[in-house]
Amino acid sequence: VELSDGRQGVFANLGNVQVGQIITVSRGAEQWNYIIVSIETVEPDDLTPLYPSEHARLTLITCADYNFFSDRYQVRTVVIADRVS
C-alpha cells in the first residue's frame, strides 16, 4: 500500500471501499462499471482469488497488516467486483 519512497500506493485506500459500491475502470474513451460483491482477507499464499471466473469480474488485491519485525505484510485484502455495464 506504500511506495518505496513512503508515498501512498494506488490501492492505499482499498480498505475503505464497501460492498455495493461502484468501481469505474476507464481506458481511453472506453469505460466499464463494476459493483463490489465481496471484500475478503486472505493469507499471502492463498491463490484462490486469482482463479478464473465464468463472467466479467474485477479482482483488486493489496497487502495489509505490515509487520515491522518480519518486514512483510501479513495478509492480503481482496476486493471482488462484478461487471454491470
C-alpha atoms as a PDB file:
ATOM      1  CA  VAL A   1       0.000   0.000   0.000  1.00  0.00           C
ATOM      2  CA  GLU A   2       3.042   2.251   0.182  1.00  0.00           C
ATOM      3  CA  LEU A   3       5.627   3.018  -2.448  1.00  0.00           C
ATOM      4  CA  SER A   4       9.320   2.548  -1.664  1.00  0.00           C
ATOM      5  CA  ASP A   5       9.644   6.307  -1.052  1.00  0.00           C
ATOM      6  CA  GLY A   6       6.859   6.250   1.577  1.00  0.00           C
ATOM      7  CA  ARG A   7       4.097   7.769  -0.576  1.00  0.00           C
ATOM      8  CA  GLN A   8       0.703   6.063  -0.676  1.00  0.00           C
ATOM      9  CA  GLY A   9       0.357   3.407  -3.346  1.00  0.00           C
ATOM     10  CA  VAL A  10      -2.512   3.189  -5.832  1.00  0.00           C
ATOM     11  CA  PHE A  11      -4.539   0.858  -3.564  1.00  0.00           C
ATOM     12  CA  ALA A  12      -3.774   2.616  -0.266  1.00  0.00           C
ATOM     13  CA  ASN A  13      -7.474   3.290   0.349  1.00  0.00           C
ATOM     14  CA  LEU A  14      -8.783  -0.056  -0.873  1.00  0.00           C
ATOM     15  CA  GLY A  15      -9.676  -0.959   2.716  1.00  0.00           C
ATOM     16  CA  ASN A  16     -12.226   1.885   2.735  1.00  0.00           C
ATOM     17  CA  VAL A  17     -14.475   0.524  -0.031  1.00  0.00           C
ATOM     18  CA  GLN A  18     -17.784  -1.187   0.748  1.00  0.00           C
ATOM     19  CA  VAL A  19     -19.888  -3.937  -0.768  1.00  0.00           C
ATOM     20  CA  GLY A  20     -22.363  -2.374  -3.210  1.00  0.00           C
ATOM     21  CA  GLN A  21     -20.037   0.460  -4.204  1.00  0.00           C
ATOM     22  CA  ILE A  22     -19.409   1.032  -7.921  1.00  0.00           C
ATOM     23  CA  ILE A  23     -15.874   0.974  -9.371  1.00  0.00           C
ATOM     24  CA  THR A  24     -15.339   2.577 -12.768  1.00  0.00           C
ATOM     25  CA  VAL A  25     -12.443   1.479 -14.964  1.00  0.00           C
ATOM     26  CA  SER A  26     -11.525   3.691 -17.923  1.00  0.00           C
ATOM     27  CA  ARG A  27      -9.200   3.169 -20.858  1.00  0.00           C
ATOM     28  CA  GLY A  28      -9.232   5.946 -23.406  1.00  0.00           C
ATOM     29  CA  ALA A  29     -12.864   6.532 -24.394  1.00  0.00           C
ATOM     30  CA  GLU A  30     -13.979   3.137 -23.048  1.00  0.00           C
ATOM     31  CA  GLN A  31     -15.498   2.779 -19.598  1.00  0.00           C
ATOM     32  CA  TRP A  32     -16.651  -0.221 -17.553  1.00  0.00           C
ATOM     33  CA  ASN A  33     -18.591  -0.247 -14.285  1.00  0.00           C
ATOM     34  CA  TYR A  34     -18.291  -2.935 -11.647  1.00  0.00           C
ATOM     35  CA  ILE A  35     -20.200  -3.414  -8.391  1.00  0.00           C
ATOM     36  CA  ILE A  36     -18.305  -4.668  -5.353  1.00  0.00           C
ATOM     37  CA  VAL A  37     -19.766  -8.016  -4.286  1.00  0.00           C
ATOM     38  CA  SER A  38     -17.228  -9.083  -1.652  1.00  0.00           C
ATOM     39  CA  ILE A  39     -14.252  -7.948   0.356  1.00  0.00           C
ATOM     40  CA  GLU A  40     -12.037 -10.656   1.802  1.00  0.00           C
ATOM     41  CA  THR A  41      -8.816 -11.029   3.733  1.00  0.00           C
ATOM     42  CA  VAL A  42      -6.624 -13.941   2.700  1.00  0.00           C
ATOM     43  CA  GLU A  43      -3.212 -15.338   3.579  1.00  0.00           C
ATOM     44  CA  PRO A  44      -0.363 -14.321   1.242  1.00  0.00           C
ATOM     45  CA  ASP A  45      -0.065 -17.859  -0.156  1.00  0.00           C
ATOM     46  CA  ASP A  46      -3.817 -18.186  -0.910  1.00  0.00           C
ATOM     47  CA  LEU A  47      -4.096 -18.063  -4.702  1.00  0.00           C
ATOM     48  CA  THR A  48      -7.843 -18.727  -4.946  1.00  0.00           C
ATOM     49  CA  PRO A  49      -8.647 -15.036  -5.661  1.00  0.00           C
ATOM     50  CA  LEU A  50      -6.644 -15.420  -8.886  1.00  0.00           C
ATOM     51  CA  TYR A  51      -8.705 -18.314 -10.244  1.00  0.00           C
ATOM     52  CA  PRO A  52     -10.703 -17.539 -13.410  1.00  0.00           C
ATOM     53  CA  SER A  53     -14.403 -16.710 -13.146  1.00  0.00           C
ATOM     54  CA  GLU A  54     -17.192 -17.554 -15.567  1.00  0.00           C
ATOM     55  CA  HIS A  55     -18.209 -13.919 -16.085  1.00  0.00           C
ATOM     56  CA  ALA A  56     -16.646 -10.455 -16.298  1.00  0.00           C
ATOM     57  CA  ARG A  57     -15.128  -9.749 -12.922  1.00  0.00           C
ATOM     58  CA  LEU A  58     -12.649  -7.277 -11.466  1.00  0.00           C
ATOM     59  CA  THR A  59     -10.332  -8.500  -8.712  1.00  0.00           C
ATOM     60  CA  LEU A  60      -8.260  -5.939  -6.795  1.00  0.00           C
ATOM     61  CA  ILE A  61      -5.592  -7.167  -4.382  1.00  0.00           C
ATOM     62  CA  THR A  62      -3.387  -5.259  -1.964  1.00  0.00           C
ATOM     63  CA  CYS A  63      -1.311  -6.010   1.113  1.00  0.00           C
ATOM     64  CA  ALA A  64      -2.401  -5.333   4.693  1.00  0.00           C
ATOM     65  CA  ASP A  65      -1.155  -5.618   8.281  1.00  0.00           C
ATOM     66  CA  TYR A  66       2.517  -4.782   7.890  1.00  0.00           C
ATOM     67  CA  ASN A  67       4.757  -6.415  10.490  1.00  0.00           C
ATOM     68  CA  PHE A  68       7.877  -4.334  11.168  1.00  0.00           C
ATOM     69  CA  PHE A  69       9.662  -7.239  12.887  1.00  0.00           C
ATOM     70  CA  SER A  70       9.370  -9.592   9.911  1.00  0.00           C
ATOM     71  CA  ASP A  71       9.426  -6.736   7.353  1.00  0.00           C
ATOM     72  CA  ARG A  72       6.428  -8.132   5.475  1.00  0.00           C
ATOM     73  CA  TYR A  73       2.697  -7.791   5.113  1.00  0.00           C
ATOM     74  CA  GLN A  74       0.744 -10.482   6.949  1.00  0.00           C
ATOM     75  CA  VAL A  75      -2.429 -10.682   4.809  1.00  0.00           C
ATOM     76  CA  ARG A  76      -3.908  -9.608   1.504  1.00  0.00           C
ATOM     77  CA  THR A  77      -7.104  -7.584   1.056  1.00  0.00           C
ATOM     78  CA  VAL A  78      -9.106  -8.827  -1.931  1.00  0.00           C
ATOM     79  CA  VAL A  79     -11.980  -6.839  -3.457  1.00  0.00           C
ATOM     80  CA  ILE A  80     -14.198  -8.697  -5.944  1.00  0.00           C
ATOM     81  CA  ALA A  81     -16.488  -6.694  -8.238  1.00  0.00           C
ATOM     82  CA  ASP A  82     -18.820  -7.959 -10.969  1.00  0.00           C
ATOM     83  CA  ARG A  83     -19.293  -6.034 -14.208  1.00  0.00           C
ATOM     84  CA  VAL A  84     -22.612  -4.207 -14.504  1.00  0.00           C
ATOM     85  CA  SER A  85     -22.017  -2.193 -17.703  1.00  0.00           C
END
